[in-house]
Structure formats: C-alpha cells, structure tokens
Amino acid sequence: METILVGEKETNEYVEQAKKTFDEKSEVTIKGIGRDTVKAVDTAELLKAEGFKVKNIKIDTEEKDDKRTSLIEITLEK
C-alpha cells in the first residue's frame, strides 16, 4: 500500500499520482493533515467518481510540540 500525503499541489495532481500508483498497487491511502484534510477528501471523492472504492477512513489527531492537529487517512482500492 502506498500513502500519498496531500499538501500544496493542486487536487488533480494528487488524483493523477494516485491513478499512477494504482497501476502497481491495489490500495492507495490519501492522507491530509490540518487544512489539507479538505483536499484529501476532495481527492478521494474524485477517485471515487472514477470507479475506485473507499476501503477505510481513519480520523485522528496528531500531537506535536504541544499542538494538536487533525488528520484524515482515506484508503481506496481498485
């Protein structure tokens, strides 16, 4: 399984990266931290629209330097 960390790129770039990863892997996890959780969900929704299926969604909080940050991990499969 491959994890794609969503950040500053455009959503479509993450969609294309995931589709390329699906050529070699059967599962891909899209991970968004903080403000990037929205972009992670958008990426997963676009992949769903192309026929990929959501296998698992994990919502959590990361703690770093006494600061808490939300994160989401969405695992999709072919």
PDB file of N, CA and C in Angstrom:
ATOM      1  N   MET A   1       0.846  -1.184   0.000  1.00  0.00           N
ATOM      2  CA  MET A   1       0.000   0.000   0.000  1.00  0.00           C
ATOM      3  C   MET A   1       0.886   1.240   0.000  1.00  0.00           C
ATOM      4  N   GLU A   2       0.471   2.221  -0.730  1.00  0.00           N
ATOM      5  CA  GLU A   2       1.197   3.476  -0.881  1.00  0.00           C
ATOM      6  C   GLU A   2       0.391   4.582  -0.206  1.00  0.00           C
ATOM      7  N   THR A   3       1.082   5.518   0.474  1.00  0.00           N
ATOM      8  CA  THR A   3       0.419   6.661   1.089  1.00  0.00           C
ATOM      9  C   THR A   3       0.828   7.923   0.349  1.00  0.00           C
ATOM     10  N   ILE A   4      -0.172   8.716  -0.037  1.00  0.00           N
ATOM     11  CA  ILE A   4       0.071   9.995  -0.688  1.00  0.00           C
ATOM     12  C   ILE A   4      -0.301  11.084   0.305  1.00  0.00           C
ATOM     13  N   LEU A   5       0.690  11.897   0.681  1.00  0.00           N
ATOM     14  CA  LEU A   5       0.465  12.992   1.614  1.00  0.00           C
ATOM     15  C   LEU A   5       0.066  14.231   0.821  1.00  0.00           C
ATOM     16  N   VAL A   6      -1.138  14.707   1.053  1.00  0.00           N
ATOM     17  CA  VAL A   6      -1.670  15.862   0.345  1.00  0.00           C
ATOM     18  C   VAL A   6      -1.086  17.133   0.957  1.00  0.00           C
ATOM     19  N   GLY A   7      -0.718  18.066   0.076  1.00  0.00           N
ATOM     20  CA  GLY A   7      -0.118  19.318   0.549  1.00  0.00           C
ATOM     21  C   GLY A   7      -0.477  20.482  -0.351  1.00  0.00           C
ATOM     22  N   GLU A   8       0.550  21.133  -0.902  1.00  0.00           N
ATOM     23  CA  GLU A   8       0.356  22.388  -1.633  1.00  0.00           C
ATOM     24  C   GLU A   8      -0.014  22.238  -3.102  1.00  0.00           C
ATOM     25  N   LYS A   9       0.136  21.055  -3.676  1.00  0.00           N
ATOM     26  CA  LYS A   9      -0.185  20.863  -5.095  1.00  0.00           C
ATOM     27  C   LYS A   9      -1.689  20.963  -5.319  1.00  0.00           C
ATOM     28  N   GLU A  10      -2.066  21.060  -6.585  1.00  0.00           N
ATOM     29  CA  GLU A  10      -3.478  21.065  -6.956  1.00  0.00           C
ATOM     30  C   GLU A  10      -4.070  19.672  -6.740  1.00  0.00           C
ATOM     31  N   THR A  11      -5.343  19.614  -6.438  1.00  0.00           N
ATOM     32  CA  THR A  11      -6.034  18.348  -6.185  1.00  0.00           C
ATOM     33  C   THR A  11      -5.865  17.373  -7.346  1.00  0.00           C
ATOM     34  N   ASN A  12      -5.982  17.855  -8.566  1.00  0.00           N
ATOM     35  CA  ASN A  12      -5.876  16.975  -9.736  1.00  0.00           C
ATOM     36  C   ASN A  12      -4.515  16.299  -9.832  1.00  0.00           C
ATOM     37  N   GLU A  13      -3.470  16.938  -9.327  1.00  0.00           N
ATOM     38  CA  GLU A  13      -2.144  16.321  -9.342  1.00  0.00           C
ATOM     39  C   GLU A  13      -2.114  15.107  -8.419  1.00  0.00           C
ATOM     40  N   TYR A  14      -2.804  15.177  -7.292  1.00  0.00           N
ATOM     41  CA  TYR A  14      -2.872  14.035  -6.371  1.00  0.00           C
ATOM     42  C   TYR A  14      -3.722  12.909  -6.962  1.00  0.00           C
ATOM     43  N   VAL A  15      -4.770  13.280  -7.682  1.00  0.00           N
ATOM     44  CA  VAL A  15      -5.605  12.283  -8.341  1.00  0.00           C
ATOM     45  C   VAL A  15      -4.763  11.523  -9.367  1.00  0.00           C
ATOM     46  N   GLU A  16      -4.007  12.245 -10.179  1.00  0.00           N
ATOM     47  CA  GLU A  16      -3.162  11.605 -11.193  1.00  0.00           C
ATOM     48  C   GLU A  16      -2.084  10.742 -10.547  1.00  0.00           C
ATOM     49  N   GLN A  17      -1.493  11.221  -9.462  1.00  0.00           N
ATOM     50  CA  GLN A  17      -0.477  10.444  -8.739  1.00  0.00           C
ATOM     51  C   GLN A  17      -1.081   9.142  -8.220  1.00  0.00           C
ATOM     52  N   ALA A  18      -2.289   9.220  -7.677  1.00  0.00           N
ATOM     53  CA  ALA A  18      -2.955   8.019  -7.154  1.00  0.00           C
ATOM     54  C   ALA A  18      -3.252   7.035  -8.276  1.00  0.00           C
ATOM     55  N   LYS A  19      -3.738   7.536  -9.418  1.00  0.00           N
ATOM     56  CA  LYS A  19      -4.061   6.649 -10.533  1.00  0.00           C
ATOM     57  C   LYS A  19      -2.805   5.940 -11.046  1.00  0.00           C
ATOM     58  N   LYS A  20      -1.682   6.634 -11.084  1.00  0.00           N
ATOM     59  CA  LYS A  20      -0.418   6.009 -11.489  1.00  0.00           C
ATOM     60  C   LYS A  20       0.007   4.950 -10.474  1.00  0.00           C
ATOM     61  N   THR A  21      -0.204   5.244  -9.200  1.00  0.00           N
ATOM     62  CA  THR A  21       0.146   4.289  -8.150  1.00  0.00           C
ATOM     63  C   THR A  21      -0.722   3.040  -8.267  1.00  0.00           C
ATOM     64  N   PHE A  22      -1.997   3.209  -8.639  1.00  0.00           N
ATOM     65  CA  PHE A  22      -2.892   2.066  -8.810  1.00  0.00           C
ATOM     66  C   PHE A  22      -2.440   1.132  -9.932  1.00  0.00           C
ATOM     67  N   ASP A  23      -1.593   1.613 -10.831  1.00  0.00           N
ATOM     68  CA  ASP A  23      -1.042   0.735 -11.873  1.00  0.00           C
ATOM     69  C   ASP A  23      -0.188  -0.373 -11.262  1.00  0.00           C
ATOM     70  N   GLU A  24       0.421  -0.084 -10.092  1.00  0.00           N
ATOM     71  CA  GLU A  24       1.318  -1.047  -9.444  1.00  0.00           C
ATOM     72  C   GLU A  24       0.772  -1.607  -8.134  1.00  0.00           C
ATOM     73  N   LYS A  25      -0.106  -0.874  -7.481  1.00  0.00           N
ATOM     74  CA  LYS A  25      -0.628  -1.267  -6.170  1.00  0.00           C
ATOM     75  C   LYS A  25      -2.138  -1.416  -6.232  1.00  0.00           C
ATOM     76  N   SER A  26      -2.671  -2.237  -5.332  1.00  0.00           N
ATOM     77  CA  SER A  26      -4.130  -2.430  -5.306  1.00  0.00           C
ATOM     78  C   SER A  26      -4.818  -1.473  -4.335  1.00  0.00           C
ATOM     79  N   GLU A  27      -4.032  -0.844  -3.451  1.00  0.00           N
ATOM     80  CA  GLU A  27      -4.588   0.114  -2.487  1.00  0.00           C
ATOM     81  C   GLU A  27      -3.720   1.358  -2.422  1.00  0.00           C
ATOM     82  N   VAL A  28      -4.377   2.496  -2.215  1.00  0.00           N
ATOM     83  CA  VAL A  28      -3.686   3.764  -2.032  1.00  0.00           C
ATOM     84  C   VAL A  28      -4.356   4.486  -0.873  1.00  0.00           C
ATOM     85  N   THR A  29      -3.539   5.077   0.000  1.00  0.00           N
ATOM     86  CA  THR A  29      -4.074   5.877   1.096  1.00  0.00           C
ATOM     87  C   THR A  29      -3.782   7.344   0.821  1.00  0.00           C
ATOM     88  N   ILE A  30      -4.820   8.165   0.908  1.00  0.00           N
ATOM     89  CA  ILE A  30      -4.704   9.609   0.757  1.00  0.00           C
ATOM     90  C   ILE A  30      -4.726  10.189   2.165  1.00  0.00           C
ATOM     91  N   LYS A  31      -3.667  10.933   2.528  1.00  0.00           N
ATOM     92  CA  LYS A  31      -3.557  11.464   3.886  1.00  0.00           C
ATOM     93  C   LYS A  31      -3.516  12.980   3.840  1.00  0.00           C
ATOM     94  N   GLY A  32      -4.353  13.613   4.662  1.00  0.00           N
ATOM     95  CA  GLY A  32      -4.361  15.065   4.794  1.00  0.00           C
ATOM     96  C   GLY A  32      -4.229  15.447   6.255  1.00  0.00           C
ATOM     97  N   ILE A  33      -3.404  16.448   6.518  1.00  0.00           N
ATOM     98  CA  ILE A  33      -3.167  16.913   7.884  1.00  0.00           C
ATOM     99  C   ILE A  33      -3.568  18.381   7.967  1.00  0.00           C
ATOM    100  N   GLY A  34      -4.290  18.739   9.034  1.00  0.00           N
ATOM    101  CA  GLY A  34      -4.696  20.125   9.241  1.00  0.00           C
ATOM    102  C   GLY A  34      -5.610  20.607   8.133  1.00  0.00           C
ATOM    103  N   ARG A  35      -5.259  21.742   7.547  1.00  0.00           N
ATOM    104  CA  ARG A  35      -6.082  22.331   6.484  1.00  0.00           C
ATOM    105  C   ARG A  35      -6.147  21.462   5.240  1.00  0.00           C
ATOM    106  N   ASP A  36      -5.186  20.576   5.078  1.00  0.00           N
ATOM    107  CA  ASP A  36      -5.152  19.722   3.891  1.00  0.00           C
ATOM    108  C   ASP A  36      -6.126  18.550   3.967  1.00  0.00           C
ATOM    109  N   THR A  37      -6.862  18.412   5.082  1.00  0.00           N
ATOM    110  CA  THR A  37      -7.857  17.342   5.171  1.00  0.00           C
ATOM    111  C   THR A  37      -8.943  17.529   4.116  1.00  0.00           C
ATOM    112  N   VAL A  38      -9.298  18.767   3.835  1.00  0.00           N
ATOM    113  CA  VAL A  38     -10.332  19.055   2.833  1.00  0.00           C
ATOM    114  C   VAL A  38      -9.856  18.586   1.457  1.00  0.00           C
ATOM    115  N   LYS A  39      -8.604  18.882   1.123  1.00  0.00           N
ATOM    116  CA  LYS A  39      -8.061  18.478  -0.176  1.00  0.00           C
ATOM    117  C   LYS A  39      -7.958  16.959  -0.281  1.00  0.00           C
ATOM    118  N   ALA A  40      -7.670  16.291   0.837  1.00  0.00           N
ATOM    119  CA  ALA A  40      -7.607  14.831   0.848  1.00  0.00           C
ATOM    120  C   ALA A  40      -8.987  14.239   0.547  1.00  0.00           C
ATOM    121  N   VAL A  41     -10.025  14.805   1.152  1.00  0.00           N
ATOM    122  CA  VAL A  41     -11.393  14.335   0.896  1.00  0.00           C
ATOM    123  C   VAL A  41     -11.775  14.605  -0.559  1.00  0.00           C
ATOM    124  N   ASP A  42     -11.444  15.784  -1.077  1.00  0.00           N
ATOM    125  CA  ASP A  42     -11.736  16.106  -2.479  1.00  0.00           C
ATOM    126  C   ASP A  42     -11.041  15.119  -3.414  1.00  0.00           C
ATOM    127  N   THR A  43      -9.792  14.789  -3.124  1.00  0.00           N
ATOM    128  CA  THR A  43      -9.036  13.841  -3.946  1.00  0.00           C
ATOM    129  C   THR A  43      -9.719  12.481  -3.941  1.00  0.00           C
ATOM    130  N   ALA A  44     -10.102  12.019  -2.762  1.00  0.00           N
ATOM    131  CA  ALA A  44     -10.772  10.720  -2.653  1.00  0.00           C
ATOM    132  C   ALA A  44     -12.105  10.719  -3.390  1.00  0.00           C
ATOM    133  N   GLU A  45     -12.848  11.795  -3.304  1.00  0.00           N
ATOM    134  CA  GLU A  45     -14.143  11.882  -3.986  1.00  0.00           C
ATOM    135  C   GLU A  45     -13.971  11.842  -5.506  1.00  0.00           C
ATOM    136  N   LEU A  46     -12.950  12.502  -6.020  1.00  0.00           N
ATOM    137  CA  LEU A  46     -12.702  12.460  -7.462  1.00  0.00           C
ATOM    138  C   LEU A  46     -12.304  11.052  -7.898  1.00  0.00           C
ATOM    139  N   LEU A  47     -11.529  10.364  -7.072  1.00  0.00           N
ATOM    140  CA  LEU A  47     -11.147   8.988  -7.387  1.00  0.00           C
ATOM    141  C   LEU A  47     -12.364   8.060  -7.327  1.00  0.00           C
ATOM    142  N   LYS A  48     -13.252   8.291  -6.357  1.00  0.00           N
ATOM    143  CA  LYS A  48     -14.495   7.509  -6.284  1.00  0.00           C
ATOM    144  C   LYS A  48     -15.312   7.685  -7.549  1.00  0.00           C
ATOM    145  N   ALA A  49     -15.371   8.899  -8.045  1.00  0.00           N
ATOM    146  CA  ALA A  49     -16.137   9.186  -9.258  1.00  0.00           C
ATOM    147  C   ALA A  49     -15.559   8.460 -10.471  1.00  0.00           C
ATOM    148  N   GLU A  50     -14.284   8.080 -10.384  1.00  0.00           N
ATOM    149  CA  GLU A  50     -13.633   7.350 -11.477  1.00  0.00           C
ATOM    150  C   GLU A  50     -13.684   5.834 -11.265  1.00  0.00           C
ATOM    151  N   GLY A  51     -14.408   5.398 -10.234  1.00  0.00           N
ATOM    152  CA  GLY A  51     -14.635   3.974 -10.056  1.00  0.00           C
ATOM    153  C   GLY A  51     -13.844   3.288  -8.949  1.00  0.00           C
ATOM    154  N   PHE A  52     -12.968   4.017  -8.272  1.00  0.00           N
ATOM    155  CA  PHE A  52     -12.241   3.420  -7.151  1.00  0.00           C
ATOM    156  C   PHE A  52     -13.154   3.400  -5.931  1.00  0.00           C
ATOM    157  N   LYS A  53     -12.917   2.445  -5.034  1.00  0.00           N
ATOM    158  CA  LYS A  53     -13.797   2.254  -3.876  1.00  0.00           C
ATOM    159  C   LYS A  53     -13.081   2.617  -2.583  1.00  0.00           C
ATOM    160  N   VAL A  54     -13.823   3.243  -1.674  1.00  0.00           N
ATOM    161  CA  VAL A  54     -13.276   3.566  -0.356  1.00  0.00           C
ATOM    162  C   VAL A  54     -13.279   2.298   0.486  1.00  0.00           C
ATOM    163  N   LYS A  55     -12.119   1.937   0.992  1.00  0.00           N
ATOM    164  CA  LYS A  55     -11.995   0.744   1.829  1.00  0.00           C
ATOM    165  C   LYS A  55     -12.050   1.102   3.312  1.00  0.00           C
ATOM    166  N   ASN A  56     -11.422   2.230   3.678  1.00  0.00           N
ATOM    167  CA  ASN A  56     -11.337   2.602   5.088  1.00  0.00           C
ATOM    168  C   ASN A  56     -11.121   4.113   5.205  1.00  0.00           C
ATOM    169  N   ILE A  57     -11.665   4.681   6.270  1.00  0.00           N
ATOM    170  CA  ILE A  57     -11.426   6.087   6.595  1.00  0.00           C
ATOM    171  C   ILE A  57     -10.993   6.154   8.049  1.00  0.00           C
ATOM    172  N   LYS A  58      -9.866   6.804   8.284  1.00  0.00           N
ATOM    173  CA  LYS A  58      -9.345   6.956   9.649  1.00  0.00           C
ATOM    174  C   LYS A  58      -9.243   8.445   9.947  1.00  0.00           C
ATOM    175  N   ILE A  59      -9.836   8.842  11.057  1.00  0.00           N
ATOM    176  CA  ILE A  59      -9.763  10.231  11.519  1.00  0.00           C
ATOM    177  C   ILE A  59      -9.026  10.209  12.847  1.00  0.00           C
ATOM    178  N   ASP A  60      -8.044  11.104  12.994  1.00  0.00           N
ATOM    179  CA  ASP A  60      -7.211  11.066  14.187  1.00  0.00           C
ATOM    180  C   ASP A  60      -6.702  12.472  14.495  1.00  0.00           C
ATOM    181  N   THR A  61      -5.965  12.578  15.580  1.00  0.00           N
ATOM    182  CA  THR A  61      -5.317  13.818  15.965  1.00  0.00           C
ATOM    183  C   THR A  61      -3.851  13.530  16.236  1.00  0.00           C
ATOM    184  N   GLU A  62      -2.991  14.365  15.657  1.00  0.00           N
ATOM    185  CA  GLU A  62      -1.553  14.272  15.870  1.00  0.00           C
ATOM    186  C   GLU A  62      -1.160  15.333  16.883  1.00  0.00           C
ATOM    187  N   GLU A  63      -0.278  14.963  17.799  1.00  0.00           N
ATOM    188  CA  GLU A  63       0.192  15.934  18.775  1.00  0.00           C
ATOM    189  C   GLU A  63       1.678  16.144  18.574  1.00  0.00           C
ATOM    190  N   LYS A  64       2.052  17.400  18.354  1.00  0.00           N
ATOM    191  CA  LYS A  64       3.448  17.737  18.090  1.00  0.00           C
ATOM    192  C   LYS A  64       3.743  19.068  18.759  1.00  0.00           C
ATOM    193  N   ASP A  65       4.775  19.100  19.600  1.00  0.00           N
ATOM    194  CA  ASP A  65       5.158  20.337  20.300  1.00  0.00           C
ATOM    195  C   ASP A  65       3.965  20.965  21.022  1.00  0.00           C
ATOM    196  N   ASP A  66       3.203  20.148  21.749  1.00  0.00           N
ATOM    197  CA  ASP A  66       2.017  20.589  22.495  1.00  0.00           C
ATOM    198  C   ASP A  66       0.941  21.223  21.612  1.00  0.00           C
ATOM    199  N   LYS A  67       0.955  20.902  20.336  1.00  0.00           N
ATOM    200  CA  LYS A  67      -0.061  21.410  19.423  1.00  0.00           C
ATOM    201  C   LYS A  67      -0.783  20.208  18.818  1.00  0.00           C
ATOM    202  N   ARG A  68      -2.108  20.261  18.808  1.00  0.00           N
ATOM    203  CA  ARG A  68      -2.912  19.160  18.264  1.00  0.00           C
ATOM    204  C   ARG A  68      -3.385  19.527  16.858  1.00  0.00           C
ATOM    205  N   THR A  69      -3.237  18.574  15.952  1.00  0.00           N
ATOM    206  CA  THR A  69      -3.636  18.782  14.565  1.00  0.00           C
ATOM    207  C   THR A  69      -4.456  17.589  14.092  1.00  0.00           C
ATOM    208  N   SER A  70      -5.589  17.861  13.456  1.00  0.00           N
ATOM    209  CA  SER A  70      -6.446  16.799  12.928  1.00  0.00           C
ATOM    210  C   SER A  70      -5.834  16.223  11.661  1.00  0.00           C
ATOM    211  N   LEU A  71      -6.133  14.934  11.418  1.00  0.00           N
ATOM    212  CA  LEU A  71      -5.695  14.308  10.186  1.00  0.00           C
ATOM    213  C   LEU A  71      -6.732  13.304   9.723  1.00  0.00           C
ATOM    214  N   ILE A  72      -6.689  13.027   8.433  1.00  0.00           N
ATOM    215  CA  ILE A  72      -7.580  12.026   7.854  1.00  0.00           C
ATOM    216  C   ILE A  72      -6.764  11.152   6.913  1.00  0.00           C
ATOM    217  N   GLU A  73      -7.045   9.858   6.942  1.00  0.00           N
ATOM    218  CA  GLU A  73      -6.448   8.909   6.015  1.00  0.00           C
ATOM    219  C   GLU A  73      -7.580   8.150   5.340  1.00  0.00           C
ATOM    220  N   ILE A  74      -7.636   8.226   4.036  1.00  0.00           N
ATOM    221  CA  ILE A  74      -8.678   7.558   3.265  1.00  0.00           C
ATOM    222  C   ILE A  74      -8.013   6.517   2.386  1.00  0.00           C
ATOM    223  N   THR A  75      -8.307   5.254   2.639  1.00  0.00           N
ATOM    224  CA  THR A  75      -7.731   4.172   1.847  1.00  0.00           C
ATOM    225  C   THR A  75      -8.728   3.778   0.775  1.00  0.00           C
ATOM    226  N   LEU A  76      -8.249   3.773  -0.472  1.00  0.00           N
ATOM    227  CA  LEU A  76      -9.067   3.381  -1.619  1.00  0.00           C
ATOM    228  C   LEU A  76      -8.479   2.138  -2.242  1.00  0.00           C
ATOM    229  N   GLU A  77      -9.337   1.380  -2.930  1.00  0.00           N
ATOM    230  CA  GLU A  77      -8.893   0.174  -3.626  1.00  0.00           C
ATOM    231  C   GLU A  77      -9.492   0.156  -5.024  1.00  0.00           C
ATOM    232  N   LYS A  78      -8.865  -0.682  -5.879  1.00  0.00           N
ATOM    233  CA  LYS A  78      -9.352  -0.802  -7.267  1.00  0.00           C
ATOM    234  C   LYS A  78     -10.723  -1.420  -7.276  1.00  0.00           C
TER     235      LYS A  78
END
